[in-house]
Amino acid sequence: MTRLTLSLALLTFLFWGGHLLYYFRVQIYEWVDNRVSYEPAVERLRAWFRQGRR
């Protein structure tokens, strides 16, 4: 495989992976909160993802 093919595959993976994460973000937040029951992580995750948006 050439460097161009690997680069395109990586960019495609990042593009679609980002879309999947965005689409399933609510379920992922709920899953993370259920795993760490003593401290909700959703607020920390939202604050971390929204650092540049003020």
N, C-alpha and C. Protein backbone atom coordinates (compact mmCIF):
# COMPACT_ATOMS: atom_id res chain seq x y z
N MET A 1 0.85 -1.19 0.00
CA MET A 1 0.00 0.00 0.00
C MET A 1 0.89 1.24 0.00
N THR A 2 0.44 2.20 -0.74
CA THR A 2 1.23 3.42 -0.83
C THR A 2 0.89 4.35 0.33
N ARG A 3 1.69 5.37 0.47
CA ARG A 3 1.46 6.35 1.53
C ARG A 3 0.14 7.09 1.32
N LEU A 4 -0.18 7.36 0.07
CA LEU A 4 -1.44 8.05 -0.24
C LEU A 4 -2.64 7.20 0.17
N THR A 5 -2.59 5.92 -0.11
CA THR A 5 -3.68 5.02 0.25
C THR A 5 -3.85 4.95 1.76
N LEU A 6 -2.74 4.83 2.48
CA LEU A 6 -2.82 4.79 3.94
C LEU A 6 -3.35 6.10 4.50
N SER A 7 -2.92 7.21 3.94
CA SER A 7 -3.39 8.51 4.41
C SER A 7 -4.89 8.66 4.17
N LEU A 8 -5.35 8.27 3.00
CA LEU A 8 -6.78 8.35 2.70
C LEU A 8 -7.59 7.42 3.60
N ALA A 9 -7.08 6.25 3.87
CA ALA A 9 -7.77 5.32 4.76
C ALA A 9 -7.86 5.90 6.18
N LEU A 10 -6.79 6.50 6.65
CA LEU A 10 -6.80 7.11 7.98
C LEU A 10 -7.78 8.28 8.05
N LEU A 11 -7.77 9.14 7.04
CA LEU A 11 -8.70 10.27 7.02
C LEU A 11 -10.15 9.80 6.95
N THR A 12 -10.40 8.77 6.16
CA THR A 12 -11.75 8.22 6.07
C THR A 12 -12.20 7.65 7.40
N PHE A 13 -11.31 6.92 8.06
CA PHE A 13 -11.62 6.35 9.37
C PHE A 13 -11.93 7.45 10.37
N LEU A 14 -11.12 8.51 10.41
CA LEU A 14 -11.36 9.62 11.33
C LEU A 14 -12.67 10.33 11.02
N PHE A 15 -12.96 10.53 9.75
CA PHE A 15 -14.19 11.21 9.35
C PHE A 15 -15.42 10.43 9.80
N TRP A 16 -15.48 9.15 9.45
CA TRP A 16 -16.65 8.35 9.80
C TRP A 16 -16.69 8.03 11.29
N GLY A 17 -15.54 7.86 11.91
CA GLY A 17 -15.50 7.63 13.36
C GLY A 17 -16.05 8.83 14.11
N GLY A 18 -15.70 10.03 13.65
CA GLY A 18 -16.24 11.24 14.28
C GLY A 18 -17.74 11.34 14.12
N HIS A 19 -18.24 10.96 12.95
CA HIS A 19 -19.68 10.98 12.74
C HIS A 19 -20.38 9.98 13.65
N LEU A 20 -19.82 8.80 13.80
CA LEU A 20 -20.43 7.80 14.68
C LEU A 20 -20.41 8.26 16.13
N LEU A 21 -19.30 8.85 16.56
CA LEU A 21 -19.24 9.35 17.94
C LEU A 21 -20.27 10.45 18.17
N TYR A 22 -20.41 11.34 17.20
CA TYR A 22 -21.40 12.42 17.34
C TYR A 22 -22.82 11.87 17.36
N TYR A 23 -23.10 10.91 16.51
CA TYR A 23 -24.45 10.34 16.42
C TYR A 23 -24.83 9.60 17.70
N PHE A 24 -23.89 8.87 18.29
CA PHE A 24 -24.16 8.06 19.48
C PHE A 24 -23.67 8.74 20.76
N ARG A 25 -23.48 10.06 20.76
CA ARG A 25 -22.91 10.74 21.91
C ARG A 25 -23.76 10.60 23.17
N VAL A 26 -25.08 10.63 23.05
CA VAL A 26 -25.94 10.52 24.23
C VAL A 26 -25.79 9.14 24.86
N GLN A 27 -25.80 8.11 24.04
CA GLN A 27 -25.64 6.76 24.57
C GLN A 27 -24.25 6.57 25.19
N ILE A 28 -23.24 7.17 24.57
CA ILE A 28 -21.88 7.05 25.12
C ILE A 28 -21.81 7.77 26.45
N TYR A 29 -22.40 8.97 26.56
CA TYR A 29 -22.41 9.69 27.83
C TYR A 29 -23.11 8.88 28.91
N GLU A 30 -24.25 8.29 28.58
CA GLU A 30 -24.97 7.48 29.56
C GLU A 30 -24.16 6.26 29.98
N TRP A 31 -23.48 5.63 29.03
CA TRP A 31 -22.66 4.46 29.34
C TRP A 31 -21.52 4.84 30.27
N VAL A 32 -20.87 5.97 30.00
CA VAL A 32 -19.77 6.42 30.85
C VAL A 32 -20.29 6.74 32.25
N ASP A 33 -21.45 7.40 32.34
CA ASP A 33 -22.01 7.72 33.66
C ASP A 33 -22.37 6.47 34.44
N ASN A 34 -22.86 5.44 33.77
CA ASN A 34 -23.22 4.21 34.47
C ASN A 34 -21.99 3.43 34.93
N ARG A 35 -20.89 3.57 34.23
CA ARG A 35 -19.67 2.88 34.64
C ARG A 35 -19.05 3.53 35.87
N VAL A 36 -19.10 4.86 35.94
CA VAL A 36 -18.52 5.59 37.07
C VAL A 36 -19.68 6.17 37.86
N SER A 37 -20.22 5.38 38.78
CA SER A 37 -21.46 5.76 39.44
C SER A 37 -21.27 6.84 40.50
N TYR A 38 -20.09 6.97 41.06
CA TYR A 38 -19.89 7.90 42.16
C TYR A 38 -19.66 9.33 41.70
N GLU A 39 -19.34 9.53 40.43
CA GLU A 39 -19.10 10.89 39.93
C GLU A 39 -19.54 10.96 38.47
N PRO A 40 -20.59 11.73 38.15
CA PRO A 40 -21.03 11.81 36.76
C PRO A 40 -19.97 12.45 35.87
N ALA A 41 -19.69 11.82 34.76
CA ALA A 41 -18.64 12.30 33.86
C ALA A 41 -19.18 13.14 32.73
N VAL A 42 -20.49 13.17 32.55
CA VAL A 42 -21.05 13.87 31.39
C VAL A 42 -20.71 15.35 31.42
N GLU A 43 -20.85 15.99 32.56
CA GLU A 43 -20.56 17.42 32.64
C GLU A 43 -19.09 17.70 32.33
N ARG A 44 -18.20 16.86 32.83
CA ARG A 44 -16.77 17.05 32.54
C ARG A 44 -16.49 16.82 31.06
N LEU A 45 -17.13 15.81 30.46
CA LEU A 45 -16.93 15.56 29.04
C LEU A 45 -17.46 16.71 28.19
N ARG A 46 -18.64 17.20 28.51
CA ARG A 46 -19.21 18.32 27.76
C ARG A 46 -18.33 19.55 27.88
N ALA A 47 -17.83 19.83 29.08
CA ALA A 47 -16.96 20.99 29.27
C ALA A 47 -15.67 20.82 28.48
N TRP A 48 -15.16 19.60 28.43
CA TRP A 48 -13.90 19.36 27.70
C TRP A 48 -14.10 19.53 26.21
N PHE A 49 -15.24 19.05 25.68
CA PHE A 49 -15.49 19.15 24.24
C PHE A 49 -15.87 20.56 23.82
N ARG A 50 -16.37 21.37 24.74
CA ARG A 50 -16.82 22.72 24.41
C ARG A 50 -15.80 23.80 24.78
N GLN A 51 -14.56 23.47 24.99
CA GLN A 51 -13.56 24.44 25.39
C GLN A 51 -13.42 25.58 24.41
N GLY A 52 -13.45 25.29 23.13
CA GLY A 52 -13.27 26.32 22.12
C GLY A 52 -14.53 27.08 21.79
N ARG A 53 -15.69 26.61 22.24
CA ARG A 53 -16.97 27.23 21.91
C ARG A 53 -17.47 28.05 23.09
N ARG A 54 -17.29 29.31 23.04
CA ARG A 54 -17.80 30.17 24.13
C ARG A 54 -18.62 31.27 23.59
